[in-house]
Protein backbone atom coordinates (compact mmCIF):
# COMPACT_ATOMS: atom_id res chain seq x y z
CA MET A 1 0.00 0.00 0.00
CA ASN A 2 2.84 2.39 0.80
CA HIS A 3 4.30 1.92 -2.68
CA TRP A 4 0.90 2.43 -4.33
CA LEU A 5 0.31 5.62 -2.34
CA ARG A 6 3.73 7.00 -3.31
CA LEU A 7 3.08 6.17 -6.95
CA PHE A 8 -0.51 7.38 -7.37
CA ALA A 9 -1.31 9.73 -4.49
CA ALA A 10 1.89 11.62 -3.81
CA ASP A 11 1.77 13.97 -6.78
CA PRO A 12 -1.90 14.96 -6.85
CA PHE A 13 -2.61 14.90 -3.11
CA LEU A 14 0.57 14.92 -1.01
CA HIS A 15 2.96 17.02 -3.11
CA SER A 16 2.74 20.07 -0.85
CA LEU A 17 4.04 18.13 2.17
CA SER A 18 7.66 17.83 3.19
CA GLU A 19 9.23 14.38 2.80
CA PRO A 20 8.81 13.50 6.52
CA GLU A 21 5.21 14.77 6.47
CA MET A 22 4.47 12.77 3.32
CA GLU A 23 5.91 9.62 4.90
CA GLN A 24 3.79 10.17 8.01
CA ALA A 25 0.66 10.72 5.90
CA ILE A 26 1.32 7.58 3.84
CA GLN A 27 1.77 5.51 7.00
CA LEU A 28 -1.44 6.91 8.48
CA ILE A 29 -3.44 6.26 5.31
CA ALA A 30 -2.09 2.71 5.01
CA ARG A 31 -2.91 1.92 8.64
CA SER A 32 -6.45 3.24 8.25
CA ALA A 33 -6.96 1.17 5.07
CA GLU A 34 -5.69 -2.11 6.54
CA GLN A 35 -9.05 -3.22 7.92
CA ASP A 36 -10.73 -3.02 4.52
CA LEU A 37 -7.93 -3.66 2.02
CA LEU A 38 -5.46 -6.08 3.68
CA VAL A 39 -6.72 -9.66 3.32
CA ASP A 40 -4.54 -12.59 4.44
CA GLY A 41 -1.39 -10.49 4.06
CA ASP A 42 -2.25 -9.21 0.56
CA TRP A 43 -3.43 -5.71 -0.28
CA TYR A 44 -6.49 -5.29 -2.51
CA GLY A 45 -7.23 -1.89 -3.99
CA ASP A 46 -10.41 -1.60 -5.99
CA TYR A 47 -10.93 1.29 -8.35
CA LYS A 48 -13.28 2.30 -11.10
CA ARG A 49 -12.09 3.62 -14.42
CA LEU A 50 -14.46 6.09 -15.99
CA ARG A 51 -14.38 6.67 -19.73
CA ILE A 52 -16.38 9.60 -20.95
CA VAL A 53 -17.05 10.81 -24.47
CA ALA A 54 -18.42 14.27 -25.10
CA ILE A 55 -20.03 15.37 -28.34
CA LYS A 56 -20.39 19.06 -28.97
CA GLU A 57 -23.78 19.95 -30.35
CA GLN A 58 -23.52 21.76 -33.65
CA THR A 59 -25.38 25.05 -33.74
């Protein structure tokens, strides 16, 4: 989970923190996610990918 958070969450959400603050935040997030995402020693992270197509109406 720590690696995933560094890879996907650090830039958009944690980038304004100092390195020690970021590490502390990552540890806190991982600990809070353990109950739901850590199963028999393996992490499971579900996500939904949204694909959207927009069509501009011609006037």
